[in-house]
Amino acid sequence: MKPDEEIGLPDVAAAVDAVFGDRVSAALQYREILADAGVERGLIGPREVDRLWVRHILNCAVMGEPIPQGATVADIGSGAGLPGIPLALARPDLSVTLIEPLLRRYTFLVEVIDELSLPVRVIRGRAEEKVVRAEVGLSDVVTSRAVAPLDRLARWSLPLIRPDGELIAIKGSSAADEIATHKAEVGKLGLTDLRVESCGTDTLAVPTTIIRGRLRSPSSRRR
């Protein structure tokens, strides 16, 4: 299998197979959409086309490793569908909702979901809006990538997380610093057990770095 020049390297091709399993064809289709319409509509930079698998699609898909089987997931600031669409492709057991405020991105997401025949909801709006919170409801996990620093991300995400659910955000090398900087503030909001973890260590040459935290239940907050 050689879906494009980027995965001419055996380790990347093997990663695509391992992560997406019997949904490889849909993942290939999504990659082509990003490289074509995604670039044309300004959702993906032209320079990113040659590294869509490693830096974007696989990078996002492996964040599903710590997510429980059958969980409900709300992805905020979905943009071109990252991380929500790769996550839905890699983990068909999950119930995924994409949340995106900008019309052109929302329209793109609706078209992609329809083309890939994915059972994924797309909601237009900002996570902090009451109408969006009411429509989405409470999820087991809220995901994001490159949306905001941890303090703002927590304020936007926590109202969408059920008690004892989790926030899982893809971050870069500054993940530990973000936790150190914002731990006290987000702790007051109920976000606890913050830690930095790596996903894809067995499949990717460069694992994905995530920040993971749990929303304390109301009863534990009163203790």
N, C-alpha and C. Protein backbone atom coordinates (compact mmCIF):
# COMPACT_ATOMS: atom_id res chain seq x y z
N MET A 1 0.84 -1.20 0.00
CA MET A 1 0.00 0.00 0.00
C MET A 1 0.87 1.24 0.00
N LYS A 2 0.62 2.16 -0.94
CA LYS A 2 1.37 3.41 -1.00
C LYS A 2 0.41 4.54 -1.36
N PRO A 3 -0.31 5.08 -0.38
CA PRO A 3 -1.33 6.07 -0.66
C PRO A 3 -0.77 7.39 -1.18
N ASP A 4 0.46 7.76 -0.84
CA ASP A 4 1.10 8.95 -1.37
C ASP A 4 2.59 8.84 -1.08
N GLU A 5 3.33 9.79 -1.57
CA GLU A 5 4.79 9.72 -1.43
C GLU A 5 5.23 9.79 0.03
N GLU A 6 4.45 10.47 0.86
CA GLU A 6 4.84 10.61 2.26
C GLU A 6 4.99 9.28 2.95
N ILE A 7 4.14 8.33 2.63
CA ILE A 7 4.25 7.05 3.31
C ILE A 7 4.91 5.99 2.43
N GLY A 8 5.81 6.46 1.55
CA GLY A 8 6.68 5.53 0.87
C GLY A 8 7.61 4.84 1.86
N LEU A 9 7.81 5.49 3.01
CA LEU A 9 8.64 4.89 4.05
C LEU A 9 7.84 3.80 4.76
N PRO A 10 8.44 2.63 4.94
CA PRO A 10 7.70 1.50 5.53
C PRO A 10 7.11 1.79 6.90
N ASP A 11 7.82 2.57 7.75
CA ASP A 11 7.30 2.79 9.10
C ASP A 11 6.01 3.60 9.08
N VAL A 12 5.90 4.57 8.18
CA VAL A 12 4.69 5.38 8.10
C VAL A 12 3.54 4.56 7.51
N ALA A 13 3.82 3.78 6.47
CA ALA A 13 2.79 2.92 5.89
C ALA A 13 2.27 1.93 6.92
N ALA A 14 3.18 1.37 7.71
CA ALA A 14 2.78 0.43 8.75
C ALA A 14 1.93 1.12 9.81
N ALA A 15 2.26 2.36 10.12
CA ALA A 15 1.50 3.11 11.12
C ALA A 15 0.07 3.36 10.63
N VAL A 16 -0.08 3.72 9.36
CA VAL A 16 -1.41 3.95 8.80
C VAL A 16 -2.25 2.68 8.90
N ASP A 17 -1.66 1.56 8.54
CA ASP A 17 -2.39 0.28 8.62
C ASP A 17 -2.75 -0.06 10.06
N ALA A 18 -1.79 0.13 10.97
CA ALA A 18 -2.00 -0.25 12.38
C ALA A 18 -3.05 0.62 13.04
N VAL A 19 -3.05 1.91 12.74
CA VAL A 19 -3.95 2.85 13.41
C VAL A 19 -5.37 2.76 12.87
N PHE A 20 -5.51 2.62 11.55
CA PHE A 20 -6.85 2.70 10.94
C PHE A 20 -7.47 1.35 10.60
N GLY A 21 -6.70 0.29 10.60
CA GLY A 21 -7.25 -1.03 10.37
C GLY A 21 -8.09 -1.12 9.11
N ASP A 22 -9.33 -1.59 9.24
CA ASP A 22 -10.17 -1.76 8.05
C ASP A 22 -10.77 -0.45 7.55
N ARG A 23 -10.41 0.68 8.19
CA ARG A 23 -10.86 1.98 7.71
C ARG A 23 -9.75 2.76 7.00
N VAL A 24 -8.72 2.04 6.55
CA VAL A 24 -7.62 2.69 5.84
C VAL A 24 -8.12 3.44 4.61
N SER A 25 -9.02 2.84 3.86
CA SER A 25 -9.49 3.49 2.63
C SER A 25 -10.17 4.82 2.93
N ALA A 26 -10.94 4.87 4.01
CA ALA A 26 -11.59 6.14 4.40
C ALA A 26 -10.55 7.15 4.86
N ALA A 27 -9.51 6.69 5.55
CA ALA A 27 -8.43 7.58 5.97
C ALA A 27 -7.69 8.15 4.77
N LEU A 28 -7.46 7.30 3.76
CA LEU A 28 -6.82 7.77 2.52
C LEU A 28 -7.68 8.82 1.84
N GLN A 29 -8.97 8.59 1.83
CA GLN A 29 -9.90 9.53 1.21
C GLN A 29 -9.87 10.86 1.95
N TYR A 30 -9.84 10.81 3.27
CA TYR A 30 -9.79 12.04 4.06
C TYR A 30 -8.50 12.80 3.78
N ARG A 31 -7.38 12.08 3.67
CA ARG A 31 -6.10 12.71 3.37
C ARG A 31 -6.18 13.45 2.03
N GLU A 32 -6.81 12.83 1.04
CA GLU A 32 -6.92 13.46 -0.27
C GLU A 32 -7.81 14.69 -0.23
N ILE A 33 -8.86 14.64 0.58
CA ILE A 33 -9.73 15.81 0.73
C ILE A 33 -8.96 16.97 1.35
N LEU A 34 -8.17 16.69 2.38
CA LEU A 34 -7.37 17.73 3.01
C LEU A 34 -6.37 18.33 2.03
N ALA A 35 -5.73 17.47 1.24
CA ALA A 35 -4.72 17.94 0.29
C ALA A 35 -5.31 18.75 -0.85
N ASP A 36 -6.58 18.52 -1.14
CA ASP A 36 -7.24 19.20 -2.25
C ASP A 36 -8.12 20.34 -1.74
N ALA A 37 -9.33 20.00 -1.31
CA ALA A 37 -10.27 21.04 -0.86
C ALA A 37 -9.78 21.75 0.39
N GLY A 38 -9.10 21.01 1.27
CA GLY A 38 -8.60 21.63 2.49
C GLY A 38 -7.63 22.75 2.22
N VAL A 39 -6.76 22.56 1.25
CA VAL A 39 -5.80 23.60 0.86
C VAL A 39 -6.51 24.71 0.09
N GLU A 40 -7.37 24.31 -0.84
CA GLU A 40 -8.08 25.28 -1.68
C GLU A 40 -8.90 26.25 -0.84
N ARG A 41 -9.48 25.76 0.26
CA ARG A 41 -10.33 26.61 1.10
C ARG A 41 -9.56 27.27 2.24
N GLY A 42 -8.27 27.05 2.29
CA GLY A 42 -7.44 27.72 3.29
C GLY A 42 -7.48 27.09 4.66
N LEU A 43 -7.91 25.82 4.75
CA LEU A 43 -7.94 25.15 6.04
C LEU A 43 -6.64 24.43 6.35
N ILE A 44 -5.89 24.10 5.31
CA ILE A 44 -4.59 23.46 5.44
C ILE A 44 -3.58 24.26 4.62
N GLY A 45 -2.42 24.55 5.21
CA GLY A 45 -1.39 25.27 4.47
C GLY A 45 -0.78 24.39 3.40
N PRO A 46 -0.45 24.96 2.24
CA PRO A 46 0.14 24.16 1.15
C PRO A 46 1.39 23.41 1.57
N ARG A 47 2.16 23.97 2.47
CA ARG A 47 3.39 23.31 2.90
C ARG A 47 3.13 22.08 3.77
N GLU A 48 1.90 21.95 4.25
CA GLU A 48 1.57 20.82 5.11
C GLU A 48 1.18 19.57 4.33
N VAL A 49 0.95 19.70 3.03
CA VAL A 49 0.46 18.58 2.23
C VAL A 49 1.42 17.39 2.29
N ASP A 50 2.72 17.66 2.24
CA ASP A 50 3.70 16.57 2.22
C ASP A 50 3.86 15.88 3.57
N ARG A 51 3.23 16.41 4.61
CA ARG A 51 3.33 15.78 5.92
C ARG A 51 1.98 15.62 6.61
N LEU A 52 0.96 15.46 5.80
CA LEU A 52 -0.39 15.32 6.36
C LEU A 52 -0.52 14.09 7.24
N TRP A 53 0.06 12.97 6.81
CA TRP A 53 -0.05 11.76 7.62
C TRP A 53 0.61 11.92 8.98
N VAL A 54 1.89 12.27 8.95
CA VAL A 54 2.67 12.26 10.20
C VAL A 54 2.29 13.39 11.14
N ARG A 55 2.15 14.58 10.61
CA ARG A 55 1.96 15.74 11.47
C ARG A 55 0.50 16.00 11.83
N HIS A 56 -0.40 15.45 11.04
CA HIS A 56 -1.81 15.78 11.25
C HIS A 56 -2.70 14.55 11.49
N ILE A 57 -2.81 13.68 10.50
CA ILE A 57 -3.81 12.61 10.59
C ILE A 57 -3.43 11.56 11.62
N LEU A 58 -2.25 10.98 11.49
CA LEU A 58 -1.81 9.99 12.47
C LEU A 58 -1.62 10.62 13.84
N ASN A 59 -1.06 11.79 13.85
CA ASN A 59 -0.81 12.53 15.09
C ASN A 59 -2.09 12.68 15.91
N CYS A 60 -3.21 12.90 15.22
CA CYS A 60 -4.49 13.07 15.90
C CYS A 60 -5.15 11.72 16.23
N ALA A 61 -5.04 10.77 15.31
CA ALA A 61 -5.74 9.51 15.49
C ALA A 61 -5.28 8.76 16.74
N VAL A 62 -3.98 8.82 17.04
CA VAL A 62 -3.46 8.04 18.17
C VAL A 62 -3.87 8.59 19.52
N MET A 63 -4.43 9.80 19.56
CA MET A 63 -4.86 10.33 20.85
C MET A 63 -6.05 9.55 21.41
N GLY A 64 -6.59 8.65 20.59
CA GLY A 64 -7.68 7.81 21.07
C GLY A 64 -7.22 6.70 22.00
N GLU A 65 -5.92 6.47 22.11
CA GLU A 65 -5.42 5.37 22.93
C GLU A 65 -5.94 5.39 24.37
N PRO A 66 -5.96 6.55 25.06
CA PRO A 66 -6.44 6.54 26.44
C PRO A 66 -7.95 6.67 26.60
N ILE A 67 -8.68 6.80 25.49
CA ILE A 67 -10.13 7.02 25.58
C ILE A 67 -10.84 5.68 25.75
N PRO A 68 -11.73 5.56 26.74
CA PRO A 68 -12.42 4.29 27.00
C PRO A 68 -13.29 3.84 25.83
N GLN A 69 -13.51 2.55 25.75
CA GLN A 69 -14.36 1.97 24.72
C GLN A 69 -15.77 2.54 24.81
N GLY A 70 -16.32 2.91 23.65
CA GLY A 70 -17.70 3.37 23.59
C GLY A 70 -17.96 4.75 24.16
N ALA A 71 -16.92 5.53 24.38
CA ALA A 71 -17.08 6.85 25.01
C ALA A 71 -17.72 7.85 24.05
N THR A 72 -18.36 8.86 24.64
CA THR A 72 -18.84 10.01 23.87
C THR A 72 -17.75 11.07 23.90
N VAL A 73 -17.47 11.65 22.73
CA VAL A 73 -16.37 12.60 22.59
C VAL A 73 -16.87 13.87 21.92
N ALA A 74 -16.57 15.02 22.51
CA ALA A 74 -16.84 16.31 21.89
C ALA A 74 -15.51 16.95 21.55
N ASP A 75 -15.34 17.30 20.29
CA ASP A 75 -14.09 17.90 19.80
C ASP A 75 -14.34 19.38 19.54
N ILE A 76 -13.67 20.25 20.28
CA ILE A 76 -13.93 21.68 20.14
C ILE A 76 -12.90 22.34 19.22
N GLY A 77 -13.38 23.32 18.44
CA GLY A 77 -12.50 24.00 17.49
C GLY A 77 -11.98 23.05 16.44
N SER A 78 -12.87 22.28 15.82
CA SER A 78 -12.46 21.17 14.96
C SER A 78 -11.73 21.59 13.69
N GLY A 79 -12.00 22.80 13.18
CA GLY A 79 -11.29 23.29 12.01
C GLY A 79 -11.48 22.40 10.80
N ALA A 80 -10.38 21.79 10.33
CA ALA A 80 -10.44 20.90 9.17
C ALA A 80 -10.82 19.48 9.58
N GLY A 81 -11.20 19.31 10.84
CA GLY A 81 -11.58 17.99 11.33
C GLY A 81 -10.54 17.34 12.19
N LEU A 82 -9.57 18.12 12.63
CA LEU A 82 -8.46 17.62 13.44
C LEU A 82 -8.60 18.08 14.88
N PRO A 83 -8.67 17.17 15.82
CA PRO A 83 -8.43 15.73 15.73
C PRO A 83 -9.66 14.85 15.54
N GLY A 84 -10.86 15.44 15.50
CA GLY A 84 -12.07 14.65 15.59
C GLY A 84 -12.28 13.61 14.51
N ILE A 85 -12.00 13.96 13.25
CA ILE A 85 -12.25 12.99 12.16
C ILE A 85 -11.26 11.82 12.19
N PRO A 86 -9.94 12.07 12.31
CA PRO A 86 -9.04 10.91 12.44
C PRO A 86 -9.39 10.03 13.64
N LEU A 87 -9.82 10.66 14.71
CA LEU A 87 -10.21 9.91 15.91
C LEU A 87 -11.42 9.02 15.61
N ALA A 88 -12.41 9.57 14.91
CA ALA A 88 -13.60 8.79 14.56
C ALA A 88 -13.26 7.66 13.60
N LEU A 89 -12.30 7.89 12.70
CA LEU A 89 -11.90 6.86 11.76
C LEU A 89 -11.15 5.72 12.46
N ALA A 90 -10.27 6.09 13.38
CA ALA A 90 -9.47 5.09 14.08
C ALA A 90 -10.26 4.35 15.15
N ARG A 91 -11.29 5.01 15.71
CA ARG A 91 -12.07 4.44 16.81
C ARG A 91 -13.56 4.49 16.48
N PRO A 92 -14.04 3.58 15.61
CA PRO A 92 -15.46 3.61 15.24
C PRO A 92 -16.40 3.33 16.40
N ASP A 93 -15.87 2.86 17.54
CA ASP A 93 -16.72 2.62 18.70
C ASP A 93 -17.12 3.91 19.41
N LEU A 94 -16.41 5.00 19.12
CA LEU A 94 -16.67 6.27 19.79
C LEU A 94 -17.83 7.01 19.14
N SER A 95 -18.53 7.80 19.94
CA SER A 95 -19.58 8.69 19.44
C SER A 95 -19.02 10.11 19.45
N VAL A 96 -18.69 10.64 18.27
CA VAL A 96 -17.94 11.88 18.15
C VAL A 96 -18.82 13.03 17.67
N THR A 97 -18.66 14.18 18.33
CA THR A 97 -19.31 15.42 17.91
C THR A 97 -18.25 16.47 17.65
N LEU A 98 -18.30 17.10 16.48
CA LEU A 98 -17.37 18.17 16.12
C LEU A 98 -18.03 19.51 16.38
N ILE A 99 -17.30 20.43 17.00
CA ILE A 99 -17.83 21.76 17.31
C ILE A 99 -16.93 22.79 16.65
N GLU A 100 -17.50 23.60 15.77
CA GLU A 100 -16.71 24.57 15.01
C GLU A 100 -17.53 25.84 14.77
N PRO A 101 -17.01 27.02 15.15
CA PRO A 101 -17.80 28.24 15.02
C PRO A 101 -17.82 28.88 13.63
N LEU A 102 -16.76 28.73 12.84
CA LEU A 102 -16.68 29.43 11.55
C LEU A 102 -17.47 28.69 10.46
N LEU A 103 -18.27 29.44 9.72
CA LEU A 103 -19.17 28.85 8.73
C LEU A 103 -18.43 28.06 7.67
N ARG A 104 -17.34 28.60 7.11
CA ARG A 104 -16.66 27.90 6.02
C ARG A 104 -16.05 26.58 6.52
N ARG A 105 -15.58 26.56 7.75
CA ARG A 105 -15.05 25.32 8.31
C ARG A 105 -16.17 24.35 8.63
N TYR A 106 -17.26 24.86 9.19
CA TYR A 106 -18.42 24.03 9.49
C TYR A 106 -18.94 23.37 8.21
N THR A 107 -19.06 24.16 7.14
CA THR A 107 -19.54 23.63 5.87
C THR A 107 -18.61 22.54 5.34
N PHE A 108 -17.31 22.77 5.44
CA PHE A 108 -16.33 21.78 5.02
C PHE A 108 -16.50 20.49 5.81
N LEU A 109 -16.66 20.60 7.11
CA LEU A 109 -16.82 19.42 7.97
C LEU A 109 -18.06 18.63 7.61
N VAL A 110 -19.16 19.31 7.38
CA VAL A 110 -20.40 18.63 7.00
C VAL A 110 -20.21 17.86 5.70
N GLU A 111 -19.52 18.48 4.74
CA GLU A 111 -19.29 17.83 3.45
C GLU A 111 -18.39 16.60 3.62
N VAL A 112 -17.35 16.72 4.44
CA VAL A 112 -16.42 15.60 4.64
C VAL A 112 -17.13 14.44 5.32
N ILE A 113 -17.89 14.73 6.36
CA ILE A 113 -18.62 13.69 7.08
C ILE A 113 -19.57 12.95 6.14
N ASP A 114 -20.23 13.72 5.27
CA ASP A 114 -21.15 13.11 4.31
C ASP A 114 -20.39 12.25 3.31
N GLU A 115 -19.27 12.75 2.79
CA GLU A 115 -18.49 12.01 1.79
C GLU A 115 -17.90 10.73 2.36
N LEU A 116 -17.48 10.78 3.62
CA LEU A 116 -16.88 9.60 4.25
C LEU A 116 -17.92 8.68 4.90
N SER A 117 -19.17 9.12 4.90
CA SER A 117 -20.27 8.35 5.52
C SER A 117 -19.96 8.02 6.97
N LEU A 118 -19.48 9.03 7.69
CA LEU A 118 -19.16 8.84 9.11
C LEU A 118 -20.35 9.23 9.98
N PRO A 119 -20.67 8.44 11.00
CA PRO A 119 -21.75 8.78 11.93
C PRO A 119 -21.28 9.78 12.98
N VAL A 120 -20.95 10.98 12.51
CA VAL A 120 -20.39 12.02 13.37
C VAL A 120 -21.28 13.26 13.29
N ARG A 121 -21.57 13.85 14.44
CA ARG A 121 -22.34 15.10 14.47
C ARG A 121 -21.43 16.30 14.25
N VAL A 122 -21.93 17.33 13.58
CA VAL A 122 -21.20 18.58 13.43
C VAL A 122 -22.10 19.70 13.91
N ILE A 123 -21.61 20.48 14.86
CA ILE A 123 -22.40 21.57 15.43
C ILE A 123 -21.65 22.88 15.22
N ARG A 124 -22.35 23.87 14.71
CA ARG A 124 -21.72 25.18 14.51
C ARG A 124 -21.92 26.04 15.74
N GLY A 125 -20.82 26.56 16.26
CA GLY A 125 -20.87 27.44 17.42
C GLY A 125 -19.61 27.32 18.24
N ARG A 126 -19.54 28.13 19.28
CA ARG A 126 -18.39 28.11 20.19
C ARG A 126 -18.74 27.28 21.42
N ALA A 127 -17.75 26.56 21.90
CA ALA A 127 -17.99 25.67 23.04
C ALA A 127 -18.52 26.41 24.26
N GLU A 128 -18.16 27.71 24.38
CA GLU A 128 -18.58 28.46 25.56
C GLU A 128 -20.01 28.99 25.47
N GLU A 129 -20.66 28.84 24.31
CA GLU A 129 -22.02 29.33 24.13
C GLU A 129 -23.05 28.38 24.76
N LYS A 130 -24.00 28.94 25.47
CA LYS A 130 -24.99 28.13 26.15
C LYS A 130 -25.79 27.26 25.20
N VAL A 131 -26.12 27.79 24.02
CA VAL A 131 -26.92 27.02 23.08
C VAL A 131 -26.14 25.81 22.57
N VAL A 132 -24.83 25.97 22.41
CA VAL A 132 -23.99 24.85 21.98
C VAL A 132 -23.90 23.82 23.09
N ARG A 133 -23.69 24.28 24.32
CA ARG A 133 -23.61 23.35 25.46
C ARG A 133 -24.90 22.55 25.60
N ALA A 134 -26.02 23.21 25.37
CA ALA A 134 -27.31 22.52 25.49
C ALA A 134 -27.46 21.47 24.40
N GLU A 135 -27.01 21.79 23.19
CA GLU A 135 -27.15 20.85 22.07
C GLU A 135 -26.20 19.67 22.19
N VAL A 136 -24.98 19.93 22.65
CA VAL A 136 -23.98 18.87 22.75
C VAL A 136 -24.26 17.97 23.95
N GLY A 137 -24.65 18.57 25.06
CA GLY A 137 -24.82 17.81 26.29
C GLY A 137 -23.47 17.52 26.94
N LEU A 138 -23.45 16.54 27.84
CA LEU A 138 -22.22 16.19 28.54
C LEU A 138 -21.58 14.97 27.89
N SER A 139 -20.27 15.06 27.68
CA SER A 139 -19.52 13.98 27.04
C SER A 139 -18.55 13.34 28.03
N ASP A 140 -18.14 12.13 27.71
CA ASP A 140 -17.13 11.46 28.53
C ASP A 140 -15.77 12.12 28.38
N VAL A 141 -15.49 12.61 27.18
CA VAL A 141 -14.19 13.21 26.88
C VAL A 141 -14.40 14.42 25.98
N VAL A 142 -13.64 15.50 26.25
CA VAL A 142 -13.58 16.64 25.34
C VAL A 142 -12.16 16.74 24.82
N THR A 143 -12.02 16.78 23.50
CA THR A 143 -10.71 16.83 22.86
C THR A 143 -10.50 18.16 22.16
N SER A 144 -9.23 18.45 21.86
CA SER A 144 -8.89 19.65 21.11
C SER A 144 -7.44 19.56 20.65
N ARG A 145 -7.12 20.41 19.69
CA ARG A 145 -5.74 20.52 19.24
C ARG A 145 -5.47 21.97 18.85
N ALA A 146 -4.45 22.56 19.47
CA ALA A 146 -4.01 23.92 19.14
C ALA A 146 -5.16 24.93 19.18
N VAL A 147 -6.01 24.82 20.21
CA VAL A 147 -7.16 25.71 20.33
C VAL A 147 -6.85 26.91 21.22
N ALA A 148 -6.26 26.67 22.40
CA ALA A 148 -6.01 27.76 23.36
C ALA A 148 -5.10 27.25 24.47
N PRO A 149 -4.50 28.17 25.24
CA PRO A 149 -3.76 27.76 26.43
C PRO A 149 -4.68 27.03 27.40
N LEU A 150 -4.09 26.28 28.32
CA LEU A 150 -4.85 25.38 29.19
C LEU A 150 -5.90 26.10 30.02
N ASP A 151 -5.63 27.32 30.48
CA ASP A 151 -6.62 28.01 31.32
C ASP A 151 -7.90 28.30 30.55
N ARG A 152 -7.78 28.86 29.35
CA ARG A 152 -8.96 29.13 28.53
C ARG A 152 -9.60 27.83 28.04
N LEU A 153 -8.76 26.88 27.67
CA LEU A 153 -9.27 25.60 27.19
C LEU A 153 -10.13 24.92 28.24
N ALA A 154 -9.70 24.99 29.48
CA ALA A 154 -10.48 24.39 30.57
C ALA A 154 -11.83 25.09 30.75
N ARG A 155 -11.84 26.41 30.69
CA ARG A 155 -13.10 27.14 30.85
C ARG A 155 -14.09 26.79 29.75
N TRP A 156 -13.59 26.58 28.55
CA TRP A 156 -14.47 26.24 27.43
C TRP A 156 -14.89 24.78 27.46
N SER A 157 -14.00 23.91 27.90
CA SER A 157 -14.24 22.47 27.80
C SER A 157 -15.03 21.88 28.95
N LEU A 158 -14.76 22.33 30.17
CA LEU A 158 -15.32 21.66 31.34
C LEU A 158 -16.84 21.62 31.38
N PRO A 159 -17.55 22.67 30.92
CA PRO A 159 -19.02 22.58 30.93
C PRO A 159 -19.58 21.51 30.01
N LEU A 160 -18.72 20.95 29.13
CA LEU A 160 -19.17 19.90 28.21
C LEU A 160 -18.81 18.51 28.70
N ILE A 161 -18.12 18.42 29.86
CA ILE A 161 -17.62 17.14 30.36
C ILE A 161 -18.49 16.66 31.51
N ARG A 162 -18.87 15.41 31.48
CA ARG A 162 -19.63 14.84 32.59
C ARG A 162 -18.71 14.72 33.81
N PRO A 163 -19.26 14.67 35.03
CA PRO A 163 -18.44 14.47 36.22
C PRO A 163 -17.59 13.21 36.09
N ASP A 164 -16.32 13.34 36.43
CA ASP A 164 -15.32 12.27 36.30
C ASP A 164 -14.94 11.97 34.86
N GLY A 165 -15.41 12.80 33.91
CA GLY A 165 -14.95 12.69 32.53
C GLY A 165 -13.61 13.38 32.36
N GLU A 166 -13.11 13.40 31.13
CA GLU A 166 -11.75 13.88 30.91
C GLU A 166 -11.63 14.95 29.83
N LEU A 167 -10.64 15.80 29.99
CA LEU A 167 -10.15 16.70 28.97
C LEU A 167 -8.87 16.08 28.42
N ILE A 168 -8.79 15.93 27.11
CA ILE A 168 -7.57 15.43 26.46
C ILE A 168 -7.23 16.38 25.32
N ALA A 169 -6.10 17.05 25.43
CA ALA A 169 -5.71 18.06 24.45
C ALA A 169 -4.34 17.73 23.88
N ILE A 170 -4.22 17.79 22.56
CA ILE A 170 -2.91 17.63 21.93
C ILE A 170 -2.12 18.91 22.14
N LYS A 171 -0.93 18.76 22.67
CA LYS A 171 -0.05 19.89 22.94
C LYS A 171 1.35 19.58 22.42
N GLY A 172 2.20 20.59 22.44
CA GLY A 172 3.58 20.42 22.01
C GLY A 172 4.53 20.32 23.18
N SER A 173 5.74 20.81 22.96
CA SER A 173 6.79 20.69 23.97
C SER A 173 6.53 21.53 25.21
N SER A 174 5.58 22.46 25.12
CA SER A 174 5.29 23.34 26.26
C SER A 174 4.23 22.75 27.19
N ALA A 175 3.83 21.51 26.99
CA ALA A 175 2.74 20.92 27.77
C ALA A 175 2.99 20.97 29.27
N ALA A 176 4.17 20.56 29.69
CA ALA A 176 4.48 20.56 31.13
C ALA A 176 4.47 21.98 31.69
N ASP A 177 4.96 22.94 30.93
CA ASP A 177 4.96 24.33 31.38
C ASP A 177 3.54 24.86 31.52
N GLU A 178 2.66 24.45 30.60
CA GLU A 178 1.26 24.89 30.69
C GLU A 178 0.62 24.38 31.97
N ILE A 179 0.88 23.14 32.30
CA ILE A 179 0.32 22.58 33.53
C ILE A 179 0.85 23.33 34.74
N ALA A 180 2.16 23.58 34.76
CA ALA A 180 2.76 24.30 35.89
C ALA A 180 2.18 25.70 36.03
N THR A 181 1.93 26.35 34.91
CA THR A 181 1.43 27.73 34.92
C THR A 181 -0.03 27.81 35.34
N HIS A 182 -0.84 26.87 34.88
CA HIS A 182 -2.29 27.01 35.04
C HIS A 182 -2.92 26.00 36.00
N LYS A 183 -2.12 25.17 36.62
CA LYS A 183 -2.67 24.10 37.45
C LYS A 183 -3.58 24.63 38.56
N ALA A 184 -3.16 25.66 39.25
CA ALA A 184 -3.95 26.19 40.36
C ALA A 184 -5.27 26.76 39.86
N GLU A 185 -5.21 27.51 38.77
CA GLU A 185 -6.42 28.15 38.25
C GLU A 185 -7.43 27.12 37.76
N VAL A 186 -6.98 26.15 36.97
CA VAL A 186 -7.92 25.16 36.44
C VAL A 186 -8.38 24.20 37.53
N GLY A 187 -7.57 24.06 38.58
CA GLY A 187 -7.98 23.24 39.71
C GLY A 187 -9.20 23.80 40.40
N LYS A 188 -9.29 25.13 40.46
CA LYS A 188 -10.46 25.77 41.05
C LYS A 188 -11.72 25.50 40.23
N LEU A 189 -11.54 25.23 38.93
CA LEU A 189 -12.68 24.93 38.06
C LEU A 189 -13.10 23.47 38.17
N GLY A 190 -12.25 22.66 38.82
CA GLY A 190 -12.57 21.25 38.99
C GLY A 190 -11.73 20.30 38.17
N LEU A 191 -10.75 20.84 37.40
CA LEU A 191 -9.90 19.99 36.58
C LEU A 191 -8.71 19.51 37.41
N THR A 192 -8.59 18.22 37.56
CA THR A 192 -7.56 17.66 38.43
C THR A 192 -6.83 16.52 37.72
N ASP A 193 -5.88 15.90 38.43
CA ASP A 193 -5.10 14.77 37.89
C ASP A 193 -4.43 15.15 36.57
N LEU A 194 -3.94 16.36 36.47
CA LEU A 194 -3.30 16.82 35.23
C LEU A 194 -1.96 16.13 35.03
N ARG A 195 -1.72 15.65 33.81
CA ARG A 195 -0.43 15.07 33.49
C ARG A 195 -0.19 15.12 31.99
N VAL A 196 1.08 15.01 31.65
CA VAL A 196 1.50 14.94 30.25
C VAL A 196 1.71 13.47 29.89
N GLU A 197 1.15 13.05 28.76
CA GLU A 197 1.33 11.67 28.31
C GLU A 197 1.70 11.65 26.83
N SER A 198 2.22 10.54 26.38
CA SER A 198 2.56 10.34 24.97
C SER A 198 1.68 9.25 24.39
N CYS A 199 1.17 9.48 23.19
CA CYS A 199 0.35 8.50 22.49
C CYS A 199 1.06 8.09 21.19
N GLY A 200 0.86 6.85 20.80
CA GLY A 200 1.47 6.38 19.56
C GLY A 200 2.92 5.97 19.70
N THR A 201 3.35 5.68 20.92
CA THR A 201 4.76 5.33 21.13
C THR A 201 5.14 4.04 20.41
N ASP A 202 4.19 3.16 20.17
CA ASP A 202 4.48 1.90 19.49
C ASP A 202 4.31 1.98 17.98
N THR A 203 3.75 3.09 17.49
CA THR A 203 3.45 3.16 16.06
C THR A 203 4.09 4.35 15.34
N LEU A 204 4.31 5.46 16.04
CA LEU A 204 4.82 6.67 15.40
C LEU A 204 6.29 6.93 15.77
N ALA A 205 7.03 7.43 14.79
CA ALA A 205 8.42 7.80 15.06
C ALA A 205 8.48 8.94 16.07
N VAL A 206 7.52 9.86 15.97
CA VAL A 206 7.41 10.97 16.93
C VAL A 206 6.04 10.88 17.59
N PRO A 207 5.95 10.38 18.82
CA PRO A 207 4.66 10.23 19.49
C PRO A 207 3.95 11.57 19.67
N THR A 208 2.65 11.49 19.87
CA THR A 208 1.83 12.67 20.12
C THR A 208 1.82 13.00 21.60
N THR A 209 2.04 14.26 21.92
CA THR A 209 2.03 14.71 23.31
C THR A 209 0.66 15.27 23.65
N ILE A 210 0.08 14.77 24.75
CA ILE A 210 -1.22 15.26 25.19
C ILE A 210 -1.17 15.72 26.63
N ILE A 211 -2.06 16.64 26.95
CA ILE A 211 -2.37 16.97 28.35
C ILE A 211 -3.69 16.29 28.66
N ARG A 212 -3.70 15.63 29.79
CA ARG A 212 -4.88 14.87 30.20
C ARG A 212 -5.28 15.30 31.61
N GLY A 213 -6.56 15.53 31.82
CA GLY A 213 -7.04 15.91 33.14
C GLY A 213 -8.46 15.42 33.36
N ARG A 214 -8.85 15.24 34.61
CA ARG A 214 -10.16 14.71 34.96
C ARG A 214 -11.00 15.78 35.65
N LEU A 215 -12.28 15.83 35.32
CA LEU A 215 -13.21 16.75 35.98
C LEU A 215 -13.74 16.10 37.25
N ARG A 216 -13.41 16.68 38.38
CA ARG A 216 -13.88 16.12 39.65
C ARG A 216 -15.39 16.17 39.72
N SER A 217 -15.96 15.14 40.32
CA SER A 217 -17.42 15.12 40.51
C SER A 217 -17.78 16.16 41.56
N PRO A 218 -19.01 16.69 41.55
CA PRO A 218 -19.42 17.70 42.52
C PRO A 218 -19.22 17.25 43.96
N SER A 219 -19.46 15.97 44.24
CA SER A 219 -19.32 15.50 45.61
C SER A 219 -17.88 15.57 46.09
N SER A 220 -16.92 15.25 45.21
CA SER A 220 -15.52 15.29 45.61
C SER A 220 -15.04 16.72 45.76
N ARG A 221 -15.65 17.66 45.02
CA ARG A 221 -15.25 19.06 45.14
C ARG A 221 -15.64 19.65 46.48
N ARG A 222 -16.67 19.07 47.12
CA ARG A 222 -17.12 19.63 48.41
C ARG A 222 -16.30 19.13 49.58
N ARG A 223 -15.44 18.16 49.34
CA ARG A 223 -14.67 17.60 50.45
C ARG A 223 -13.56 18.53 50.89
